[in-house]
Amino acid sequence: GVIAGRYWASGDFADTGLEVFRSNYVGSGTAVGPVIFGGLRVPFSRSFALGGEIRYQKADAALDSSLGFTGDRLDLGGITYQANLIFRF
C-alpha cells in the first residue's frame, strides 16, 4: 500500500538547557509498505448482516531533521479495525 502521513506538534517545549519555548512542528511523508487485512460477514437474514474487518499496515516515512524534529522517522504502521451493520432494502 501507499500510505501518507502527517505529524503535527504545537506547544511549549524544553531544550537541552531546560529553556522553555513555544513552537509548531509540521512534517509529512509518504511510504510504501505491506498491508494485510481480513474480514468476516455473518448474514442473519436476507436483509441484515453483521461484519467486521481488521487491517495491519507497516511503513515508515522520513522526517526532515532541519525542521526541528528530534527523530528522523515517522511510523505510519499499526492495526485498525471496524465493525459493520449491513441493511439491504
C-alpha atoms as a PDB file:
ATOM      1  CA  GLY A   1       0.000   0.000   0.000  1.00  0.00           C
ATOM      2  CA  VAL A   2       0.936   3.630  -0.414  1.00  0.00           C
ATOM      3  CA  ILE A   3       0.474   5.252   2.991  1.00  0.00           C
ATOM      4  CA  ALA A   4       0.539   9.007   3.570  1.00  0.00           C
ATOM      5  CA  GLY A   5       1.116  10.540   6.987  1.00  0.00           C
ATOM      6  CA  ARG A   6       1.280  13.961   8.602  1.00  0.00           C
ATOM      7  CA  TYR A   7       2.798  14.774  12.002  1.00  0.00           C
ATOM      8  CA  TRP A   8       1.995  17.987  13.830  1.00  0.00           C
ATOM      9  CA  ALA A   9       3.129  19.152  17.273  1.00  0.00           C
ATOM     10  CA  SER A  10       2.399  22.525  18.823  1.00  0.00           C
ATOM     11  CA  GLY A  11       3.027  23.823  22.305  1.00  0.00           C
ATOM     12  CA  ASP A  12       5.698  24.570  24.876  1.00  0.00           C
ATOM     13  CA  PHE A  13       8.932  22.602  24.556  1.00  0.00           C
ATOM     14  CA  ALA A  14      12.102  22.421  26.674  1.00  0.00           C
ATOM     15  CA  ASP A  15      15.521  22.457  25.062  1.00  0.00           C
ATOM     16  CA  THR A  16      18.659  20.789  26.417  1.00  0.00           C
ATOM     17  CA  GLY A  17      19.344  23.753  28.744  1.00  0.00           C
ATOM     18  CA  LEU A  18      15.776  23.423  30.113  1.00  0.00           C
ATOM     19  CA  GLU A  19      14.736  26.721  28.487  1.00  0.00           C
ATOM     20  CA  VAL A  20      11.031  26.612  27.644  1.00  0.00           C
ATOM     21  CA  PHE A  21       9.975  27.882  24.229  1.00  0.00           C
ATOM     22  CA  ARG A  22       6.785  27.824  22.161  1.00  0.00           C
ATOM     23  CA  SER A  23       6.906  26.323  18.681  1.00  0.00           C
ATOM     24  CA  ASN A  24       4.990  24.477  15.958  1.00  0.00           C
ATOM     25  CA  TYR A  25       6.397  21.493  14.083  1.00  0.00           C
ATOM     26  CA  VAL A  26       4.786  20.039  10.964  1.00  0.00           C
ATOM     27  CA  GLY A  27       6.100  17.152   8.910  1.00  0.00           C
ATOM     28  CA  SER A  28       4.604  14.837   6.327  1.00  0.00           C
ATOM     29  CA  GLY A  29       5.660  11.918   4.217  1.00  0.00           C
ATOM     30  CA  THR A  30       4.547   9.028   2.066  1.00  0.00           C
ATOM     31  CA  ALA A  31       5.815   5.473   2.248  1.00  0.00           C
ATOM     32  CA  VAL A  32       5.179   2.122   0.612  1.00  0.00           C
ATOM     33  CA  GLY A  33       4.623  -0.910   2.800  1.00  0.00           C
ATOM     34  CA  PRO A  34       2.692  -4.149   3.200  1.00  0.00           C
ATOM     35  CA  VAL A  35      -0.998  -4.153   4.123  1.00  0.00           C
ATOM     36  CA  ILE A  36      -2.576  -7.341   5.468  1.00  0.00           C
ATOM     37  CA  PHE A  37      -6.316  -7.408   6.062  1.00  0.00           C
ATOM     38  CA  GLY A  38      -9.206  -9.763   6.514  1.00  0.00           C
ATOM     39  CA  GLY A  39     -12.846  -9.619   7.349  1.00  0.00           C
ATOM     40  CA  LEU A  40     -15.952 -11.572   8.134  1.00  0.00           C
ATOM     41  CA  ARG A  41     -19.613 -11.050   7.292  1.00  0.00           C
ATOM     42  CA  VAL A  42     -22.356 -13.053   9.033  1.00  0.00           C
ATOM     43  CA  PRO A  43     -25.815 -12.873   7.430  1.00  0.00           C
ATOM     44  CA  PHE A  44     -28.756 -13.161   9.827  1.00  0.00           C
ATOM     45  CA  SER A  45     -31.444 -12.743   7.199  1.00  0.00           C
ATOM     46  CA  ARG A  46     -31.766 -11.706   3.564  1.00  0.00           C
ATOM     47  CA  SER A  47     -31.690  -8.039   4.539  1.00  0.00           C
ATOM     48  CA  PHE A  48     -29.441  -7.886   7.646  1.00  0.00           C
ATOM     49  CA  ALA A  49     -25.848  -8.902   8.370  1.00  0.00           C
ATOM     50  CA  LEU A  50     -23.041  -8.092  10.792  1.00  0.00           C
ATOM     51  CA  GLY A  51     -19.441  -7.834   9.745  1.00  0.00           C
ATOM     52  CA  GLY A  52     -16.009  -6.681  10.678  1.00  0.00           C
ATOM     53  CA  GLU A  53     -12.548  -6.063   9.307  1.00  0.00           C
ATOM     54  CA  ILE A  54      -9.058  -5.935  10.771  1.00  0.00           C
ATOM     55  CA  ARG A  55      -6.091  -4.390   8.972  1.00  0.00           C
ATOM     56  CA  TYR A  56      -2.351  -4.301   9.695  1.00  0.00           C
ATOM     57  CA  GLN A  57      -0.014  -1.973   7.843  1.00  0.00           C
ATOM     58  CA  LYS A  58       3.714  -1.322   8.203  1.00  0.00           C
ATOM     59  CA  ALA A  59       5.501   1.713   6.795  1.00  0.00           C
ATOM     60  CA  ASP A  60       7.994   4.357   7.907  1.00  0.00           C
ATOM     61  CA  ALA A  61       8.320   7.809   6.334  1.00  0.00           C
ATOM     62  CA  ALA A  62      11.339  10.065   6.671  1.00  0.00           C
ATOM     63  CA  LEU A  63      11.070  13.295   8.696  1.00  0.00           C
ATOM     64  CA  ASP A  64      13.190  16.295   7.754  1.00  0.00           C
ATOM     65  CA  SER A  65      15.521  16.909  10.719  1.00  0.00           C
ATOM     66  CA  SER A  66      16.123  20.500   9.543  1.00  0.00           C
ATOM     67  CA  LEU A  67      12.535  21.286  10.637  1.00  0.00           C
ATOM     68  CA  GLY A  68      13.490  20.718  14.278  1.00  0.00           C
ATOM     69  CA  PHE A  69      12.282  17.148  14.838  1.00  0.00           C
ATOM     70  CA  THR A  70      14.360  15.060  17.221  1.00  0.00           C
ATOM     71  CA  GLY A  71      13.625  11.843  15.343  1.00  0.00           C
ATOM     72  CA  ASP A  72      14.136  11.060  11.684  1.00  0.00           C
ATOM     73  CA  ARG A  73      11.303   8.558  11.065  1.00  0.00           C
ATOM     74  CA  LEU A  74       7.506   8.763  11.181  1.00  0.00           C
ATOM     75  CA  ASP A  75       5.839   5.424  11.987  1.00  0.00           C
ATOM     76  CA  LEU A  76       2.801   5.040   9.711  1.00  0.00           C
ATOM     77  CA  GLY A  77       2.061   1.444  10.678  1.00  0.00           C
ATOM     78  CA  GLY A  78      -0.408  -0.090  13.054  1.00  0.00           C
ATOM     79  CA  ILE A  79      -3.588  -2.081  13.424  1.00  0.00           C
ATOM     80  CA  THR A  80      -7.073  -0.755  12.670  1.00  0.00           C
ATOM     81  CA  TYR A  81     -10.423  -2.475  12.935  1.00  0.00           C
ATOM     82  CA  GLN A  82     -14.026  -1.722  12.174  1.00  0.00           C
ATOM     83  CA  ALA A  83     -17.453  -3.251  12.702  1.00  0.00           C
ATOM     84  CA  ASN A  84     -20.239  -3.168  10.118  1.00  0.00           C
ATOM     85  CA  LEU A  85     -24.030  -3.293  10.216  1.00  0.00           C
ATOM     86  CA  ILE A  86     -25.376  -4.181   6.784  1.00  0.00           C
ATOM     87  CA  PHE A  87     -29.002  -3.422   5.870  1.00  0.00           C
ATOM     88  CA  ARG A  88     -30.386  -4.244   2.432  1.00  0.00           C
ATOM     89  CA  PHE A  89     -33.622  -2.752   1.212  1.00  0.00           C
END
